[in-house]
C-alpha atoms as a PDB file:
ATOM      1  CA  MET A   1      13.855  15.299 -12.245  1.00  0.00           C
ATOM      2  CA  TYR A   2      11.167  13.811 -10.044  1.00  0.00           C
ATOM      3  CA  LYS A   3       8.450  15.883  -8.464  1.00  0.00           C
ATOM      4  CA  ALA A   4       6.658  12.962  -6.772  1.00  0.00           C
ATOM      5  CA  LEU A   5       7.962   9.894  -4.981  1.00  0.00           C
ATOM      6  CA  LEU A   6       5.526   6.986  -4.657  1.00  0.00           C
ATOM      7  CA  PHE A   7       6.285   4.541  -1.854  1.00  0.00           C
ATOM      8  CA  ASP A   8       4.821   1.099  -1.444  1.00  0.00           C
ATOM      9  CA  LEU A   9       4.375   0.230   2.228  1.00  0.00           C
ATOM     10  CA  ASP A  10       4.438  -3.485   3.067  1.00  0.00           C
ATOM     11  CA  GLY A  11       7.830  -5.034   2.383  1.00  0.00           C
ATOM     12  CA  THR A  12       9.227  -1.707   1.161  1.00  0.00           C
ATOM     13  CA  LEU A  13       9.062   0.843   3.965  1.00  0.00           C
ATOM     14  CA  LEU A  14       7.790  -1.727   6.456  1.00  0.00           C
ATOM     15  CA  PRO A  15       9.896  -4.913   6.512  1.00  0.00           C
ATOM     16  CA  MET A  16       7.758  -8.033   6.590  1.00  0.00           C
ATOM     17  CA  ASP A  17       7.348 -11.622   5.534  1.00  0.00           C
ATOM     18  CA  ILE A  18       4.023 -11.317   3.747  1.00  0.00           C
ATOM     19  CA  ASP A  19       3.046 -14.937   4.462  1.00  0.00           C
ATOM     20  CA  ALA A  20       3.685 -14.553   8.189  1.00  0.00           C
ATOM     21  CA  PHE A  21       1.815 -11.245   8.270  1.00  0.00           C
ATOM     22  CA  THR A  22      -1.158 -12.693   6.374  1.00  0.00           C
ATOM     23  CA  LYS A  23      -1.293 -15.666   8.737  1.00  0.00           C
ATOM     24  CA  ALA A  24      -1.250 -13.354  11.770  1.00  0.00           C
ATOM     25  CA  TYR A  25      -3.909 -11.140  10.182  1.00  0.00           C
ATOM     26  CA  PHE A  26      -6.343 -13.981   9.577  1.00  0.00           C
ATOM     27  CA  HIS A  27      -5.661 -15.388  13.039  1.00  0.00           C
ATOM     28  CA  GLY A  28      -6.690 -12.041  14.514  1.00  0.00           C
ATOM     29  CA  VAL A  29      -9.749 -11.699  12.285  1.00  0.00           C
ATOM     30  CA  THR A  30     -11.087 -15.184  12.977  1.00  0.00           C
ATOM     31  CA  ARG A  31     -10.584 -14.660  16.707  1.00  0.00           C
ATOM     32  CA  LYS A  32     -12.551 -11.406  16.456  1.00  0.00           C
ATOM     33  CA  PHE A  33     -15.342 -13.124  14.541  1.00  0.00           C
ATOM     34  CA  ALA A  34     -15.352 -16.343  16.512  1.00  0.00           C
ATOM     35  CA  HIS A  35     -19.114 -16.704  15.995  1.00  0.00           C
ATOM     36  CA  LEU A  36     -18.549 -17.290  12.263  1.00  0.00           C
ATOM     37  CA  ARG A  37     -17.001 -20.285  10.512  1.00  0.00           C
ATOM     38  CA  PRO A  38     -13.296 -19.385  10.182  1.00  0.00           C
ATOM     39  CA  ASP A  39     -12.760 -21.181   6.864  1.00  0.00           C
ATOM     40  CA  LYS A  40     -15.795 -19.536   5.241  1.00  0.00           C
ATOM     41  CA  LEU A  41     -14.944 -16.093   6.637  1.00  0.00           C
ATOM     42  CA  ILE A  42     -11.402 -16.271   5.291  1.00  0.00           C
ATOM     43  CA  GLY A  43     -12.676 -17.440   1.922  1.00  0.00           C
ATOM     44  CA  ASP A  44     -15.223 -14.621   1.791  1.00  0.00           C
ATOM     45  CA  ILE A  45     -12.574 -12.006   2.631  1.00  0.00           C
ATOM     46  CA  LEU A  46     -10.208 -13.383   0.002  1.00  0.00           C
ATOM     47  CA  HIS A  47     -12.975 -13.415  -2.596  1.00  0.00           C
ATOM     48  CA  GLY A  48     -13.901  -9.820  -1.779  1.00  0.00           C
ATOM     49  CA  THR A  49     -10.245  -8.825  -2.033  1.00  0.00           C
ATOM     50  CA  ALA A  50      -9.935 -10.539  -5.407  1.00  0.00           C
ATOM     51  CA  SER A  51     -12.997  -8.617  -6.578  1.00  0.00           C
ATOM     52  CA  MET A  52     -11.255  -5.346  -5.703  1.00  0.00           C
ATOM     53  CA  VAL A  53      -8.111  -6.367  -7.553  1.00  0.00           C
ATOM     54  CA  LYS A  54     -10.077  -7.347 -10.672  1.00  0.00           C
ATOM     55  CA  SER A  55     -12.440  -4.377 -10.645  1.00  0.00           C
ATOM     56  CA  CYS A  56     -12.319  -1.889 -13.507  1.00  0.00           C
ATOM     57  CA  ASP A  57     -15.339   0.099 -12.327  1.00  0.00           C
ATOM     58  CA  ARG A  58     -14.422   3.780 -12.226  1.00  0.00           C
ATOM     59  CA  ASN A  59     -17.672   4.583 -10.431  1.00  0.00           C
ATOM     60  CA  SER A  60     -17.117   2.309  -7.413  1.00  0.00           C
ATOM     61  CA  THR A  61     -14.458   2.653  -4.765  1.00  0.00           C
ATOM     62  CA  ASN A  62     -12.583  -0.444  -3.683  1.00  0.00           C
ATOM     63  CA  ARG A  63     -14.501  -0.339  -0.424  1.00  0.00           C
ATOM     64  CA  GLU A  64     -17.804  -0.416  -2.291  1.00  0.00           C
ATOM     65  CA  VAL A  65     -16.633  -3.301  -4.464  1.00  0.00           C
ATOM     66  CA  PHE A  66     -15.440  -5.302  -1.458  1.00  0.00           C
ATOM     67  CA  TRP A  67     -18.590  -4.855   0.608  1.00  0.00           C
ATOM     68  CA  ALA A  68     -20.909  -5.575  -2.311  1.00  0.00           C
ATOM     69  CA  ASP A  69     -19.126  -8.881  -2.876  1.00  0.00           C
ATOM     70  CA  PHE A  70     -18.784  -9.662   0.832  1.00  0.00           C
ATOM     71  CA  ALA A  71     -22.439  -8.867   1.560  1.00  0.00           C
ATOM     72  CA  ALA A  72     -23.572 -11.198  -1.201  1.00  0.00           C
ATOM     73  CA  ARG A  73     -21.650 -13.997   0.489  1.00  0.00           C
ATOM     74  CA  VAL A  74     -22.457 -13.421   4.146  1.00  0.00           C
ATOM     75  CA  GLY A  75     -26.030 -12.215   3.658  1.00  0.00           C
ATOM     76  CA  SER A  76     -27.879  -9.810   5.918  1.00  0.00           C
ATOM     77  CA  SER A  77     -25.147  -9.845   8.584  1.00  0.00           C
ATOM     78  CA  ALA A  78     -22.786  -7.781   6.398  1.00  0.00           C
ATOM     79  CA  GLY A  79     -24.114  -4.485   7.747  1.00  0.00           C
ATOM     80  CA  ALA A  80     -23.289  -5.571  11.283  1.00  0.00           C
ATOM     81  CA  LEU A  81     -19.854  -6.861  10.311  1.00  0.00           C
ATOM     82  CA  GLU A  82     -18.364  -3.633   8.965  1.00  0.00           C
ATOM     83  CA  PRO A  83     -18.446  -1.860  12.366  1.00  0.00           C
ATOM     84  CA  MET A  84     -16.835  -4.962  13.852  1.00  0.00           C
ATOM     85  CA  PHE A  85     -14.064  -4.797  11.258  1.00  0.00           C
ATOM     86  CA  ASP A  86     -13.574  -1.117  12.111  1.00  0.00           C
ATOM     87  CA  GLU A  87     -13.304  -2.070  15.773  1.00  0.00           C
ATOM     88  CA  PHE A  88     -10.777  -4.790  14.909  1.00  0.00           C
ATOM     89  CA  TYR A  89      -8.579  -2.263  13.091  1.00  0.00           C
ATOM     90  CA  ASP A  90      -8.914   0.240  15.944  1.00  0.00           C
ATOM     91  CA  ARG A  91      -8.190  -2.206  18.765  1.00  0.00           C
ATOM     92  CA  GLU A  92      -6.693  -5.544  17.730  1.00  0.00           C
ATOM     93  CA  PHE A  93      -4.837  -4.759  14.507  1.00  0.00           C
ATOM     94  CA  ALA A  94      -1.954  -3.102  16.380  1.00  0.00           C
ATOM     95  CA  SER A  95      -0.903  -6.513  17.724  1.00  0.00           C
ATOM     96  CA  LEU A  96       0.150  -7.507  14.202  1.00  0.00           C
ATOM     97  CA  LYS A  97       3.171  -5.240  14.544  1.00  0.00           C
ATOM     98  CA  GLN A  98       4.981  -8.266  15.977  1.00  0.00           C
ATOM     99  CA  ALA A  99       4.778  -9.881  12.512  1.00  0.00           C
ATOM    100  CA  THR A 100       6.774  -7.024  10.964  1.00  0.00           C
ATOM    101  CA  GLY A 101      10.265  -5.627  11.340  1.00  0.00           C
ATOM    102  CA  ALA A 102      11.737  -2.283  12.329  1.00  0.00           C
ATOM    103  CA  ASN A 103      13.198   0.238   9.888  1.00  0.00           C
ATOM    104  CA  PRO A 104      14.811   3.092  11.864  1.00  0.00           C
ATOM    105  CA  PRO A 105      16.270   4.915   8.819  1.00  0.00           C
ATOM    106  CA  VAL A 106      12.845   5.492   7.281  1.00  0.00           C
ATOM    107  CA  ARG A 107      11.876   8.489   9.446  1.00  0.00           C
ATOM    108  CA  PRO A 108      14.933  10.651   8.712  1.00  0.00           C
ATOM    109  CA  LEU A 109      14.763   9.659   5.042  1.00  0.00           C
ATOM    110  CA  MET A 110      11.150  10.791   4.700  1.00  0.00           C
ATOM    111  CA  GLU A 111      11.723  13.991   6.668  1.00  0.00           C
ATOM    112  CA  ASN A 112      14.604  14.866   4.350  1.00  0.00           C
ATOM    113  CA  LEU A 113      12.445  14.331   1.264  1.00  0.00           C
ATOM    114  CA  PHE A 114       9.770  16.665   2.635  1.00  0.00           C
ATOM    115  CA  ARG A 115      12.408  19.272   3.497  1.00  0.00           C
ATOM    116  CA  LYS A 116      13.662  19.145  -0.079  1.00  0.00           C
ATOM    117  CA  GLY A 117      10.161  19.804  -1.387  1.00  0.00           C
ATOM    118  CA  PHE A 118       9.242  16.484  -2.949  1.00  0.00           C
ATOM    119  CA  ARG A 119       5.636  15.392  -3.131  1.00  0.00           C
ATOM    120  CA  VAL A 120       5.419  12.093  -1.279  1.00  0.00           C
ATOM    121  CA  ALA A 121       2.693   9.482  -1.628  1.00  0.00           C
ATOM    122  CA  ILE A 122       2.115   6.243   0.215  1.00  0.00           C
ATOM    123  CA  ALA A 123       1.167   4.165  -2.813  1.00  0.00           C
ATOM    124  CA  THR A 124       0.252   0.969  -1.020  1.00  0.00           C
ATOM    125  CA  ASN A 125      -2.168  -1.442  -2.679  1.00  0.00           C
ATOM    126  CA  PRO A 126      -5.526   0.014  -1.546  1.00  0.00           C
ATOM    127  CA  ILE A 127      -7.190  -3.149  -0.288  1.00  0.00           C
ATOM    128  CA  PHE A 128      -7.240  -1.974   3.349  1.00  0.00           C
ATOM    129  CA  PRO A 129      -9.181   0.827   5.046  1.00  0.00           C
ATOM    130  CA  GLU A 130      -7.339   4.010   5.965  1.00  0.00           C
ATOM    131  CA  ARG A 131      -7.251   3.132   9.669  1.00  0.00           C
ATOM    132  CA  ALA A 132      -5.255  -0.051   8.907  1.00  0.00           C
ATOM    133  CA  ILE A 133      -2.799   1.784   6.674  1.00  0.00           C
ATOM    134  CA  ARG A 134      -2.315   4.620   9.170  1.00  0.00           C
ATOM    135  CA  GLU A 135      -1.666   2.037  11.881  1.00  0.00           C
ATOM    136  CA  ARG A 136       1.116   0.440   9.835  1.00  0.00           C
ATOM    137  CA  LEU A 137       2.624   3.879   9.242  1.00  0.00           C
ATOM    138  CA  ARG A 138       2.472   4.380  13.010  1.00  0.00           C
ATOM    139  CA  TRP A 139       4.618   1.276  13.510  1.00  0.00           C
ATOM    140  CA  LEU A 140       7.289   3.041  11.470  1.00  0.00           C
ATOM    141  CA  GLU A 141       6.717   6.326  13.355  1.00  0.00           C
ATOM    142  CA  ILE A 142       5.928   8.147  10.106  1.00  0.00           C
ATOM    143  CA  ASP A 143       2.141   8.427  10.423  1.00  0.00           C
ATOM    144  CA  ASP A 144       2.261  12.157  11.213  1.00  0.00           C
ATOM    145  CA  LEU A 145       4.048  13.305   8.066  1.00  0.00           C
ATOM    146  CA  PRO A 146       2.208  15.515   5.516  1.00  0.00           C
ATOM    147  CA  TYR A 147       1.762  13.062   2.644  1.00  0.00           C
ATOM    148  CA  ASP A 148       0.239  14.376  -0.541  1.00  0.00           C
ATOM    149  CA  LEU A 149      -1.637  11.094  -0.949  1.00  0.00           C
ATOM    150  CA  VAL A 150      -2.228   7.848   0.915  1.00  0.00           C
ATOM    151  CA  THR A 151      -4.065   5.327  -1.241  1.00  0.00           C
ATOM    152  CA  THR A 152      -6.806   3.540   0.727  1.00  0.00           C
ATOM    153  CA  TYR A 153      -9.767   1.393  -0.199  1.00  0.00           C
ATOM    154  CA  GLU A 154     -12.161   4.206   0.730  1.00  0.00           C
ATOM    155  CA  THR A 155     -10.767   6.608  -1.882  1.00  0.00           C
ATOM    156  CA  MET A 156      -9.272   4.538  -4.711  1.00  0.00           C
ATOM    157  CA  HIS A 157     -11.122   2.805  -7.535  1.00  0.00           C
ATOM    158  CA  PHE A 158      -8.443   0.362  -8.707  1.00  0.00           C
ATOM    159  CA  CYS A 159      -5.715  -1.877  -7.307  1.00  0.00           C
ATOM    160  CA  LYS A 160      -2.212  -2.835  -8.336  1.00  0.00           C
ATOM    161  CA  PRO A 161      -1.134  -4.085 -10.836  1.00  0.00           C
ATOM    162  CA  ASN A 162      -3.990  -2.514 -12.835  1.00  0.00           C
ATOM    163  CA  PRO A 163      -2.427   0.427 -14.731  1.00  0.00           C
ATOM    164  CA  ASP A 164      -5.558   2.435 -13.949  1.00  0.00           C
ATOM    165  CA  TYR A 165      -4.392   2.474 -10.320  1.00  0.00           C
ATOM    166  CA  TYR A 166      -1.282   4.410 -11.326  1.00  0.00           C
ATOM    167  CA  THR A 167      -3.270   6.626 -13.688  1.00  0.00           C
ATOM    168  CA  GLU A 168      -5.521   7.564 -10.784  1.00  0.00           C
ATOM    169  CA  VAL A 169      -2.506   8.296  -8.567  1.00  0.00           C
ATOM    170  CA  LEU A 170      -1.042  10.566 -11.258  1.00  0.00           C
ATOM    171  CA  GLU A 171      -4.357  12.389 -11.619  1.00  0.00           C
ATOM    172  CA  LEU A 172      -4.698  12.922  -7.875  1.00  0.00           C
ATOM    173  CA  LEU A 173      -1.135  14.234  -7.596  1.00  0.00           C
ATOM    174  CA  GLU A 174      -1.438  16.245 -10.829  1.00  0.00           C
ATOM    175  CA  VAL A 175       1.915  15.046 -12.132  1.00  0.00           C
ATOM    176  CA  ALA A 176       3.108  13.420 -15.349  1.00  0.00           C
ATOM    177  CA  PRO A 177       4.493   9.858 -15.432  1.00  0.00           C
ATOM    178  CA  GLY A 178       8.009  11.112 -16.147  1.00  0.00           C
ATOM    179  CA  GLU A 179       7.918  13.238 -13.003  1.00  0.00           C
ATOM    180  CA  CYS A 180       7.469  10.224 -10.689  1.00  0.00           C
ATOM    181  CA  LEU A 181       9.452   7.392  -9.157  1.00  0.00           C
ATOM    182  CA  MET A 182       7.587   4.300  -7.914  1.00  0.00           C
ATOM    183  CA  ILE A 183       9.412   2.509  -5.109  1.00  0.00           C
ATOM    184  CA  GLY A 184       8.330  -0.997  -4.178  1.00  0.00           C
ATOM    185  CA  ASN A 185       9.284  -4.604  -3.523  1.00  0.00           C
ATOM    186  CA  ASP A 186       6.687  -6.461  -5.619  1.00  0.00           C
ATOM    187  CA  VAL A 187       7.783  -7.228  -9.170  1.00  0.00           C
ATOM    188  CA  GLU A 188       4.268  -7.513 -10.574  1.00  0.00           C
ATOM    189  CA  GLU A 189       2.418  -4.899  -8.543  1.00  0.00           C
ATOM    190  CA  ASP A 190       5.009  -2.149  -8.265  1.00  0.00           C
ATOM    191  CA  LEU A 191       7.004  -2.470 -11.466  1.00  0.00           C
ATOM    192  CA  SER A 192       3.790  -2.358 -13.515  1.00  0.00           C
ATOM    193  CA  ALA A 193       4.020   1.416 -12.999  1.00  0.00           C
ATOM    194  CA  GLY A 194       6.750   1.353 -15.612  1.00  0.00           C
ATOM    195  CA  ASN A 195       4.177   0.556 -18.286  1.00  0.00           C
ATOM    196  CA  LEU A 196       2.914   4.136 -17.927  1.00  0.00           C
ATOM    197  CA  GLY A 197       6.355   5.684 -18.146  1.00  0.00           C
ATOM    198  CA  ILE A 198       6.870   5.982 -14.389  1.00  0.00           C
ATOM    199  CA  ARG A 199      10.424   5.144 -13.360  1.00  0.00           C
ATOM    200  CA  THR A 200      10.765   2.338 -10.836  1.00  0.00           C
ATOM    201  CA  PHE A 201      13.072   1.361  -7.978  1.00  0.00           C
ATOM    202  CA  LEU A 202      12.824  -2.261  -6.832  1.00  0.00           C
ATOM    203  CA  VAL A 203      13.712  -2.650  -3.139  1.00  0.00           C
ATOM    204  CA  ASP A 204      14.821  -6.256  -2.840  1.00  0.00           C
ATOM    205  CA  ASP A 205      15.217  -6.789   0.918  1.00  0.00           C
ATOM    206  CA  CYS A 206      11.726  -8.363   1.011  1.00  0.00           C
ATOM    207  CA  LEU A 207      11.427  -9.106  -2.692  1.00  0.00           C
ATOM    208  CA  LEU A 208       8.109 -10.515  -3.928  1.00  0.00           C
ATOM    209  CA  ASN A 209       7.963 -12.274  -7.273  1.00  0.00           C
ATOM    210  CA  PRO A 210       5.702 -15.325  -6.859  1.00  0.00           C
ATOM    211  CA  LYS A 211       5.096 -15.604 -10.617  1.00  0.00           C
ATOM    212  CA  ASN A 212       8.836 -15.469 -11.363  1.00  0.00           C
ATOM    213  CA  LEU A 213       8.304 -12.573 -13.745  1.00  0.00           C
ATOM    214  CA  PRO A 214      11.229 -10.955 -15.553  1.00  0.00           C
ATOM    215  CA  ILE A 215      12.520  -8.035 -13.530  1.00  0.00           C
ATOM    216  CA  GLN A 216      12.464  -4.779 -15.472  1.00  0.00           C
ATOM    217  CA  ALA A 217      13.229  -1.964 -13.059  1.00  0.00           C
ATOM    218  CA  ASP A 218      15.075   1.264 -13.681  1.00  0.00           C
ATOM    219  CA  TYR A 219      16.896   0.836 -10.366  1.00  0.00           C
ATOM    220  CA  ARG A 220      17.276  -2.010  -7.918  1.00  0.00           C
ATOM    221  CA  GLY A 221      18.880  -2.430  -4.518  1.00  0.00           C
ATOM    222  CA  SER A 222      18.428  -2.705  -0.788  1.00  0.00           C
ATOM    223  CA  PHE A 223      16.625  -0.127   1.318  1.00  0.00           C
ATOM    224  CA  ALA A 224      20.060   1.257   2.220  1.00  0.00           C
ATOM    225  CA  ASP A 225      20.779   1.633  -1.509  1.00  0.00           C
ATOM    226  CA  LEU A 226      17.434   3.392  -1.945  1.00  0.00           C
ATOM    227  CA  ALA A 227      18.195   5.802   0.903  1.00  0.00           C
ATOM    228  CA  ALA A 228      21.542   6.660  -0.682  1.00  0.00           C
ATOM    229  CA  TYR A 229      19.924   7.193  -4.078  1.00  0.00           C
ATOM    230  CA  LEU A 230      17.170   9.421  -2.701  1.00  0.00           C
ATOM    231  CA  GLY A 231      19.658  11.320  -0.561  1.00  0.00           C
ATOM    232  CA  ASP A 232      21.470  12.432  -3.699  1.00  0.00           C
ATOM    233  CA  LEU A 233      18.349  13.641  -5.522  1.00  0.00           C
ATOM    234  CA  CYS A 234      18.126  17.310  -6.347  1.00  0.00           C
ATOM    235  CA  VAL A 235      15.277  19.505  -5.165  1.00  0.00           C
ATOM    236  CA  PRO A 236      12.423  19.229  -7.683  1.00  0.00           C
ATOM    237  CA  ALA A 237      11.793  22.124 -10.013  1.00  0.00           C
ATOM    238  CA  ASN A 238       9.285  24.800  -9.006  1.00  0.00           C
ATOM    239  CA  SER A 239       9.425  23.903  -5.320  1.00  0.00           C
ATOM    240  CA  VAL A 240      10.798  25.698  -2.325  1.00  0.00           C
ATOM    241  CA  PRO A 241      11.890  23.507   0.614  1.00  0.00           C
ATOM    242  CA  ASP A 242      10.990  24.552   4.140  1.00  0.00           C
END
């Protein structure tokens, strides 16, 4: 049975229309950096993000990859921009909560999994800094739980759907592929975990499949279906619940 449960965040735990959220995000960023050309800034951010997704450099974190690419595009001002981005995530990012939905069952579900003794990871695509990911967990009122891992761009070296992302997660959690369940809503990014032998649960309330890929998941259903499935799981071996 599973020892570790890997949860995607956006569209899985946190209901959202990714297009609406992205639009609200870039609106907030361009307002924060009003002294820069909005179209160029957005393009530079997207290019830096694409560089993270494509990176196979085990010696560079996603943060390092992003800022190397971004600095090359914006020039000498890059050093001054990172503190401004940090300030944006600390102060303005919280307003983006209005572009997401509520999910009241998530707190009791997660608490129950911890009580049972499962290792729980927030396996969100690590293209954001930790402060932005923790803020989104705060919207769900689950930011204070003792996760074994939260994947952020400061600590991870790969992104979904790169299989090396999942290999790194397994190494950090010290578990085998067959001891894990990856739970997500993105057919390409989340179900790619199955290529390593990790079982997958596709949550289809906010399903993402822009490439119309064939769906090959071990389990599929709504978040309510997921909660029922996880509620029936046995306590993992070699663990003692609180």
